[in-house]
């Protein structure tokens, strides 16, 4: 599983989600509660939306990455036997 965005490989959804999670964590840390401008919507994310990202989206990304890790471990075990 990638640990930095430098470990991203094109076509690998696990790497992509890990890189996005790191970027989102960085954005939330740097915003310090200030509104964040989004390029796909005319209104900035305020504290309420940033809290939703932190409380709902980040944990969902983590669950995704954990599940990919489980699938990878199962595949490695299967190939190793």
PDB file of N, CA and C in Angstrom:
ATOM      1  N   UNK A   1       0.848  -1.177   0.000  1.00  0.00           N
ATOM      2  CA  UNK A   1       0.000   0.000   0.000  1.00  0.00           C
ATOM      3  C   UNK A   1       0.894   1.240   0.000  1.00  0.00           C
ATOM      4  N   UNK A   2       0.555   2.229  -0.818  1.00  0.00           N
ATOM      5  CA  UNK A   2       1.401   3.418  -0.920  1.00  0.00           C
ATOM      6  C   UNK A   2       1.367   4.243   0.365  1.00  0.00           C
ATOM      7  N   UNK A   3       2.482   4.860   0.655  1.00  0.00           N
ATOM      8  CA  UNK A   3       2.572   5.704   1.834  1.00  0.00           C
ATOM      9  C   UNK A   3       2.656   7.177   1.482  1.00  0.00           C
ATOM     10  N   UNK A   4       3.013   7.495   0.256  1.00  0.00           N
ATOM     11  CA  UNK A   4       3.088   8.881  -0.187  1.00  0.00           C
ATOM     12  C   UNK A   4       2.527   8.976  -1.593  1.00  0.00           C
ATOM     13  N   UNK A   5       2.237  10.204  -2.021  1.00  0.00           N
ATOM     14  CA  UNK A   5       1.736  10.385  -3.374  1.00  0.00           C
ATOM     15  C   UNK A   5       2.806  10.008  -4.394  1.00  0.00           C
ATOM     16  N   UNK A   6       4.075   9.968  -3.998  1.00  0.00           N
ATOM     17  CA  UNK A   6       5.143   9.553  -4.903  1.00  0.00           C
ATOM     18  C   UNK A   6       5.035   8.079  -5.246  1.00  0.00           C
ATOM     19  N   UNK A   7       4.320   7.313  -4.423  1.00  0.00           N
ATOM     20  CA  UNK A   7       4.155   5.884  -4.658  1.00  0.00           C
ATOM     21  C   UNK A   7       2.965   5.569  -5.561  1.00  0.00           C
ATOM     22  N   UNK A   8       2.324   6.605  -6.100  1.00  0.00           N
ATOM     23  CA  UNK A   8       1.151   6.409  -6.947  1.00  0.00           C
ATOM     24  C   UNK A   8       1.542   5.785  -8.281  1.00  0.00           C
ATOM     25  N   UNK A   9       0.827   4.760  -8.670  1.00  0.00           N
ATOM     26  CA  UNK A   9       1.018   4.132  -9.961  1.00  0.00           C
ATOM     27  C   UNK A   9      -0.283   4.238 -10.741  1.00  0.00           C
ATOM     28  N   UNK A  10      -0.189   4.703 -11.975  1.00  0.00           N
ATOM     29  CA  UNK A  10      -1.380   4.871 -12.818  1.00  0.00           C
ATOM     30  C   UNK A  10      -2.136   3.549 -12.917  1.00  0.00           C
ATOM     31  N   UNK A  11      -3.430   3.621 -12.764  1.00  0.00           N
ATOM     32  CA  UNK A  11      -4.259   2.442 -12.896  1.00  0.00           C
ATOM     33  C   UNK A  11      -4.458   1.656 -11.620  1.00  0.00           C
ATOM     34  N   UNK A  12      -3.819   2.044 -10.533  1.00  0.00           N
ATOM     35  CA  UNK A  12      -3.960   1.340  -9.263  1.00  0.00           C
ATOM     36  C   UNK A  12      -4.919   2.118  -8.369  1.00  0.00           C
ATOM     37  N   UNK A  13      -6.157   1.634  -8.202  1.00  0.00           N
ATOM     38  CA  UNK A  13      -7.139   2.387  -7.414  1.00  0.00           C
ATOM     39  C   UNK A  13      -6.742   2.541  -5.952  1.00  0.00           C
ATOM     40  N   UNK A  14      -6.051   1.567  -5.394  1.00  0.00           N
ATOM     41  CA  UNK A  14      -5.606   1.684  -4.002  1.00  0.00           C
ATOM     42  C   UNK A  14      -4.627   2.829  -3.836  1.00  0.00           C
ATOM     43  N   UNK A  15      -3.681   2.920  -4.752  1.00  0.00           N
ATOM     44  CA  UNK A  15      -2.708   4.018  -4.703  1.00  0.00           C
ATOM     45  C   UNK A  15      -3.389   5.357  -4.890  1.00  0.00           C
ATOM     46  N   UNK A  16      -4.347   5.409  -5.793  1.00  0.00           N
ATOM     47  CA  UNK A  16      -5.061   6.657  -6.052  1.00  0.00           C
ATOM     48  C   UNK A  16      -5.830   7.110  -4.818  1.00  0.00           C
ATOM     49  N   UNK A  17      -6.550   6.201  -4.175  1.00  0.00           N
ATOM     50  CA  UNK A  17      -7.307   6.556  -2.972  1.00  0.00           C
ATOM     51  C   UNK A  17      -6.362   6.967  -1.846  1.00  0.00           C
ATOM     52  N   UNK A  18      -5.252   6.268  -1.687  1.00  0.00           N
ATOM     53  CA  UNK A  18      -4.284   6.634  -0.646  1.00  0.00           C
ATOM     54  C   UNK A  18      -3.735   8.035  -0.888  1.00  0.00           C
ATOM     55  N   UNK A  19      -3.426   8.350  -2.136  1.00  0.00           N
ATOM     56  CA  UNK A  19      -2.914   9.678  -2.466  1.00  0.00           C
ATOM     57  C   UNK A  19      -3.982  10.745  -2.220  1.00  0.00           C
ATOM     58  N   UNK A  20      -5.220  10.447  -2.580  1.00  0.00           N
ATOM     59  CA  UNK A  20      -6.324  11.394  -2.345  1.00  0.00           C
ATOM     60  C   UNK A  20      -6.568  11.592  -0.852  1.00  0.00           C
ATOM     61  N   UNK A  21      -6.475  10.512  -0.094  1.00  0.00           N
ATOM     62  CA  UNK A  21      -6.658  10.624   1.350  1.00  0.00           C
ATOM     63  C   UNK A  21      -5.590  11.528   1.957  1.00  0.00           C
ATOM     64  N   UNK A  22      -4.350  11.341   1.544  1.00  0.00           N
ATOM     65  CA  UNK A  22      -3.271  12.196   2.052  1.00  0.00           C
ATOM     66  C   UNK A  22      -3.500  13.651   1.669  1.00  0.00           C
ATOM     67  N   UNK A  23      -3.924  13.890   0.442  1.00  0.00           N
ATOM     68  CA  UNK A  23      -4.179  15.259  -0.005  1.00  0.00           C
ATOM     69  C   UNK A  23      -5.330  15.876   0.789  1.00  0.00           C
ATOM     70  N   UNK A  24      -6.376  15.104   1.039  1.00  0.00           N
ATOM     71  CA  UNK A  24      -7.513  15.605   1.814  1.00  0.00           C
ATOM     72  C   UNK A  24      -7.106  15.903   3.254  1.00  0.00           C
ATOM     73  N   UNK A  25      -6.330  15.017   3.858  1.00  0.00           N
ATOM     74  CA  UNK A  25      -5.844  15.262   5.219  1.00  0.00           C
ATOM     75  C   UNK A  25      -5.028  16.553   5.269  1.00  0.00           C
ATOM     76  N   UNK A  26      -4.169  16.754   4.285  1.00  0.00           N
ATOM     77  CA  UNK A  26      -3.337  17.958   4.217  1.00  0.00           C
ATOM     78  C   UNK A  26      -4.205  19.202   4.048  1.00  0.00           C
ATOM     79  N   UNK A  27      -5.201  19.125   3.163  1.00  0.00           N
ATOM     80  CA  UNK A  27      -6.105  20.244   2.933  1.00  0.00           C
ATOM     81  C   UNK A  27      -6.849  20.613   4.212  1.00  0.00           C
ATOM     82  N   UNK A  28      -7.354  19.606   4.917  1.00  0.00           N
ATOM     83  CA  UNK A  28      -8.090  19.869   6.162  1.00  0.00           C
ATOM     84  C   UNK A  28      -7.173  20.481   7.217  1.00  0.00           C
ATOM     85  N   UNK A  29      -5.953  20.012   7.288  1.00  0.00           N
ATOM     86  CA  UNK A  29      -4.999  20.546   8.249  1.00  0.00           C
ATOM     87  C   UNK A  29      -4.645  21.994   7.925  1.00  0.00           C
ATOM     88  N   UNK A  30      -4.405  22.267   6.671  1.00  0.00           N
ATOM     89  CA  UNK A  30      -3.995  23.611   6.272  1.00  0.00           C
ATOM     90  C   UNK A  30      -5.140  24.619   6.274  1.00  0.00           C
ATOM     91  N   UNK A  31      -6.373  24.137   6.118  1.00  0.00           N
ATOM     92  CA  UNK A  31      -7.509  25.071   6.083  1.00  0.00           C
ATOM     93  C   UNK A  31      -7.766  25.698   7.443  1.00  0.00           C
ATOM     94  N   UNK A  32      -7.455  24.954   8.503  1.00  0.00           N
ATOM     95  CA  UNK A  32      -7.656  25.439   9.877  1.00  0.00           C
ATOM     96  C   UNK A  32      -9.033  26.071  10.066  1.00  0.00           C
ATOM     97  N   UNK A  33     -10.040  25.441   9.492  1.00  0.00           N
ATOM     98  CA  UNK A  33     -11.406  25.908   9.675  1.00  0.00           C
ATOM     99  C   UNK A  33     -11.831  27.015   8.735  1.00  0.00           C
ATOM    100  N   UNK A  34     -10.914  27.508   7.908  1.00  0.00           N
ATOM    101  CA  UNK A  34     -11.287  28.546   6.937  1.00  0.00           C
ATOM    102  C   UNK A  34     -11.987  27.888   5.762  1.00  0.00           C
ATOM    103  N   UNK A  35     -12.871  28.608   5.075  1.00  0.00           N
ATOM    104  CA  UNK A  35     -13.544  28.048   3.896  1.00  0.00           C
ATOM    105  C   UNK A  35     -12.529  27.606   2.837  1.00  0.00           C
ATOM    106  N   UNK A  36     -12.870  26.529   2.137  1.00  0.00           N
ATOM    107  CA  UNK A  36     -12.015  25.980   1.097  1.00  0.00           C
ATOM    108  C   UNK A  36     -12.752  26.107  -0.232  1.00  0.00           C
ATOM    109  N   UNK A  37     -12.119  26.735  -1.198  1.00  0.00           N
ATOM    110  CA  UNK A  37     -12.706  26.902  -2.521  1.00  0.00           C
ATOM    111  C   UNK A  37     -12.629  25.592  -3.285  1.00  0.00           C
ATOM    112  N   UNK A  38     -13.714  25.239  -3.919  1.00  0.00           N
ATOM    113  CA  UNK A  38     -13.782  24.031  -4.736  1.00  0.00           C
ATOM    114  C   UNK A  38     -13.996  24.438  -6.190  1.00  0.00           C
ATOM    115  N   UNK A  39     -13.303  23.794  -7.107  1.00  0.00           N
ATOM    116  CA  UNK A  39     -13.404  24.167  -8.519  1.00  0.00           C
ATOM    117  C   UNK A  39     -14.690  23.660  -9.174  1.00  0.00           C
ATOM    118  N   UNK A  40     -15.398  22.728  -8.560  1.00  0.00           N
ATOM    119  CA  UNK A  40     -16.576  22.120  -9.176  1.00  0.00           C
ATOM    120  C   UNK A  40     -17.895  22.685  -8.650  1.00  0.00           C
ATOM    121  N   UNK A  41     -17.827  23.644  -7.726  1.00  0.00           N
ATOM    122  CA  UNK A  41     -19.040  24.227  -7.154  1.00  0.00           C
ATOM    123  C   UNK A  41     -18.775  25.710  -6.911  1.00  0.00           C
ATOM    124  N   UNK A  42     -19.814  26.519  -6.999  1.00  0.00           N
ATOM    125  CA  UNK A  42     -19.652  27.969  -6.873  1.00  0.00           C
ATOM    126  C   UNK A  42     -19.498  28.450  -5.435  1.00  0.00           C
ATOM    127  N   UNK A  43     -19.674  27.562  -4.472  1.00  0.00           N
ATOM    128  CA  UNK A  43     -19.618  27.952  -3.066  1.00  0.00           C
ATOM    129  C   UNK A  43     -18.482  27.213  -2.356  1.00  0.00           C
ATOM    130  N   UNK A  44     -17.796  27.885  -1.458  1.00  0.00           N
ATOM    131  CA  UNK A  44     -16.704  27.208  -0.750  1.00  0.00           C
ATOM    132  C   UNK A  44     -17.240  26.240   0.303  1.00  0.00           C
ATOM    133  N   UNK A  45     -16.426  25.256   0.632  1.00  0.00           N
ATOM    134  CA  UNK A  45     -16.731  24.372   1.750  1.00  0.00           C
ATOM    135  C   UNK A  45     -16.442  25.149   3.032  1.00  0.00           C
ATOM    136  N   UNK A  46     -17.433  25.182   3.897  1.00  0.00           N
ATOM    137  CA  UNK A  46     -17.264  25.861   5.181  1.00  0.00           C
ATOM    138  C   UNK A  46     -17.017  24.803   6.260  1.00  0.00           C
ATOM    139  N   UNK A  47     -17.015  25.211   7.490  1.00  0.00           N
ATOM    140  CA  UNK A  47     -16.717  24.314   8.612  1.00  0.00           C
ATOM    141  C   UNK A  47     -17.611  23.067   8.596  1.00  0.00           C
ATOM    142  N   UNK A  48     -18.877  23.241   8.248  1.00  0.00           N
ATOM    143  CA  UNK A  48     -19.804  22.100   8.232  1.00  0.00           C
ATOM    144  C   UNK A  48     -19.384  21.044   7.211  1.00  0.00           C
ATOM    145  N   UNK A  49     -19.073  21.474   5.992  1.00  0.00           N
ATOM    146  CA  UNK A  49     -18.665  20.528   4.959  1.00  0.00           C
ATOM    147  C   UNK A  49     -17.290  19.927   5.261  1.00  0.00           C
ATOM    148  N   UNK A  50     -16.400  20.738   5.791  1.00  0.00           N
ATOM    149  CA  UNK A  50     -15.076  20.227   6.152  1.00  0.00           C
ATOM    150  C   UNK A  50     -15.186  19.175   7.252  1.00  0.00           C
ATOM    151  N   UNK A  51     -16.092  19.386   8.193  1.00  0.00           N
ATOM    152  CA  UNK A  51     -16.317  18.396   9.252  1.00  0.00           C
ATOM    153  C   UNK A  51     -16.858  17.097   8.661  1.00  0.00           C
ATOM    154  N   UNK A  52     -17.771  17.196   7.699  1.00  0.00           N
ATOM    155  CA  UNK A  52     -18.295  15.992   7.046  1.00  0.00           C
ATOM    156  C   UNK A  52     -17.188  15.228   6.327  1.00  0.00           C
ATOM    157  N   UNK A  53     -16.305  15.953   5.669  1.00  0.00           N
ATOM    158  CA  UNK A  53     -15.177  15.286   5.013  1.00  0.00           C
ATOM    159  C   UNK A  53     -14.327  14.543   6.034  1.00  0.00           C
ATOM    160  N   UNK A  54     -14.062  15.206   7.142  1.00  0.00           N
ATOM    161  CA  UNK A  54     -13.216  14.608   8.174  1.00  0.00           C
ATOM    162  C   UNK A  54     -13.889  13.417   8.851  1.00  0.00           C
ATOM    163  N   UNK A  55     -15.174  13.544   9.140  1.00  0.00           N
ATOM    164  CA  UNK A  55     -15.871  12.507   9.903  1.00  0.00           C
ATOM    165  C   UNK A  55     -16.447  11.380   9.054  1.00  0.00           C
ATOM    166  N   UNK A  56     -16.712  11.643   7.773  1.00  0.00           N
ATOM    167  CA  UNK A  56     -17.354  10.625   6.944  1.00  0.00           C
ATOM    168  C   UNK A  56     -16.479  10.144   5.785  1.00  0.00           C
ATOM    169  N   UNK A  57     -15.850  11.056   5.084  1.00  0.00           N
ATOM    170  CA  UNK A  57     -15.108  10.667   3.885  1.00  0.00           C
ATOM    171  C   UNK A  57     -13.768  10.028   4.237  1.00  0.00           C
ATOM    172  N   UNK A  58     -13.007  10.639   5.142  1.00  0.00           N
ATOM    173  CA  UNK A  58     -11.718  10.058   5.520  1.00  0.00           C
ATOM    174  C   UNK A  58     -11.859   8.640   6.081  1.00  0.00           C
ATOM    175  N   UNK A  59     -12.812   8.389   6.989  1.00  0.00           N
ATOM    176  CA  UNK A  59     -12.975   7.004   7.465  1.00  0.00           C
ATOM    177  C   UNK A  59     -13.385   6.031   6.349  1.00  0.00           C
ATOM    178  N   UNK A  60     -14.200   6.487   5.411  1.00  0.00           N
ATOM    179  CA  UNK A  60     -14.594   5.622   4.297  1.00  0.00           C
ATOM    180  C   UNK A  60     -13.386   5.287   3.434  1.00  0.00           C
ATOM    181  N   UNK A  61     -12.519   6.264   3.217  1.00  0.00           N
ATOM    182  CA  UNK A  61     -11.296   6.007   2.457  1.00  0.00           C
ATOM    183  C   UNK A  61     -10.417   5.004   3.194  1.00  0.00           C
ATOM    184  N   UNK A  62     -10.325   5.145   4.510  1.00  0.00           N
ATOM    185  CA  UNK A  62      -9.512   4.225   5.302  1.00  0.00           C
ATOM    186  C   UNK A  62     -10.070   2.808   5.234  1.00  0.00           C
ATOM    187  N   UNK A  63     -11.386   2.671   5.323  1.00  0.00           N
ATOM    188  CA  UNK A  63     -12.004   1.343   5.205  1.00  0.00           C
ATOM    189  C   UNK A  63     -11.727   0.731   3.840  1.00  0.00           C
ATOM    190  N   UNK A  64     -11.801   1.537   2.802  1.00  0.00           N
ATOM    191  CA  UNK A  64     -11.495   1.069   1.459  1.00  0.00           C
ATOM    192  C   UNK A  64     -10.068   0.537   1.397  1.00  0.00           C
ATOM    193  N   UNK A  65      -9.134   1.307   1.924  1.00  0.00           N
ATOM    194  CA  UNK A  65      -7.725   0.910   1.883  1.00  0.00           C
ATOM    195  C   UNK A  65      -7.466  -0.348   2.709  1.00  0.00           C
ATOM    196  N   UNK A  66      -8.145  -0.468   3.851  1.00  0.00           N
ATOM    197  CA  UNK A  66      -8.000  -1.676   4.659  1.00  0.00           C
ATOM    198  C   UNK A  66      -8.533  -2.892   3.912  1.00  0.00           C
ATOM    199  N   UNK A  67      -9.660  -2.717   3.238  1.00  0.00           N
ATOM    200  CA  UNK A  67     -10.235  -3.846   2.488  1.00  0.00           C
ATOM    201  C   UNK A  67      -9.334  -4.247   1.323  1.00  0.00           C
ATOM    202  N   UNK A  68      -8.765  -3.258   0.633  1.00  0.00           N
ATOM    203  CA  UNK A  68      -7.823  -3.565  -0.446  1.00  0.00           C
ATOM    204  C   UNK A  68      -6.622  -4.319   0.124  1.00  0.00           C
ATOM    205  N   UNK A  69      -6.164  -3.917   1.305  1.00  0.00           N
ATOM    206  CA  UNK A  69      -5.064  -4.619   1.958  1.00  0.00           C
ATOM    207  C   UNK A  69      -5.407  -6.063   2.261  1.00  0.00           C
ATOM    208  N   UNK A  70      -6.642  -6.299   2.709  1.00  0.00           N
ATOM    209  CA  UNK A  70      -7.085  -7.666   2.989  1.00  0.00           C
ATOM    210  C   UNK A  70      -7.132  -8.500   1.706  1.00  0.00           C
ATOM    211  N   UNK A  71      -7.640  -7.909   0.647  1.00  0.00           N
ATOM    212  CA  UNK A  71      -7.705  -8.610  -0.635  1.00  0.00           C
ATOM    213  C   UNK A  71      -6.300  -8.935  -1.117  1.00  0.00           C
ATOM    214  N   UNK A  72      -5.398  -7.961  -1.009  1.00  0.00           N
ATOM    215  CA  UNK A  72      -4.007  -8.181  -1.412  1.00  0.00           C
ATOM    216  C   UNK A  72      -3.361  -9.300  -0.597  1.00  0.00           C
ATOM    217  N   UNK A  73      -3.584  -9.285   0.708  1.00  0.00           N
ATOM    218  CA  UNK A  73      -3.005 -10.318   1.572  1.00  0.00           C
ATOM    219  C   UNK A  73      -3.542 -11.694   1.197  1.00  0.00           C
ATOM    220  N   UNK A  74      -4.846 -11.776   0.904  1.00  0.00           N
ATOM    221  CA  UNK A  74      -5.424 -13.038   0.489  1.00  0.00           C
ATOM    222  C   UNK A  74      -4.845 -13.524  -0.826  1.00  0.00           C
ATOM    223  N   UNK A  75      -4.651 -12.620  -1.762  1.00  0.00           N
ATOM    224  CA  UNK A  75      -4.075 -12.975  -3.047  1.00  0.00           C
ATOM    225  C   UNK A  75      -2.623 -13.446  -2.880  1.00  0.00           C
ATOM    226  N   UNK A  76      -1.860 -12.740  -2.071  1.00  0.00           N
ATOM    227  CA  UNK A  76      -0.474 -13.146  -1.829  1.00  0.00           C
ATOM    228  C   UNK A  76      -0.401 -14.507  -1.151  1.00  0.00           C
ATOM    229  N   UNK A  77      -1.306 -14.744  -0.180  1.00  0.00           N
ATOM    230  CA  UNK A  77      -1.313 -16.040   0.500  1.00  0.00           C
ATOM    231  C   UNK A  77      -1.687 -17.161  -0.484  1.00  0.00           C
ATOM    232  N   UNK A  78      -2.654 -16.868  -1.333  1.00  0.00           N
ATOM    233  CA  UNK A  78      -3.084 -17.859  -2.310  1.00  0.00           C
ATOM    234  C   UNK A  78      -1.969 -18.177  -3.307  1.00  0.00           C
ATOM    235  N   UNK A  79      -1.267 -17.176  -3.742  1.00  0.00           N
ATOM    236  CA  UNK A  79      -0.191 -17.357  -4.725  1.00  0.00           C
ATOM    237  C   UNK A  79       1.046 -17.995  -4.091  1.00  0.00           C
ATOM    238  N   UNK A  80       1.201 -17.766  -2.772  1.00  0.00           N
ATOM    239  CA  UNK A  80       2.365 -18.301  -2.072  1.00  0.00           C
ATOM    240  C   UNK A  80       2.240 -19.776  -1.703  1.00  0.00           C
ATOM    241  N   UNK A  81       1.016 -20.316  -1.741  1.00  0.00           N
ATOM    242  CA  UNK A  81       0.852 -21.715  -1.325  1.00  0.00           C
ATOM    243  C   UNK A  81       0.860 -22.674  -2.471  1.00  0.00           C
TER     244      UNK A  81
END
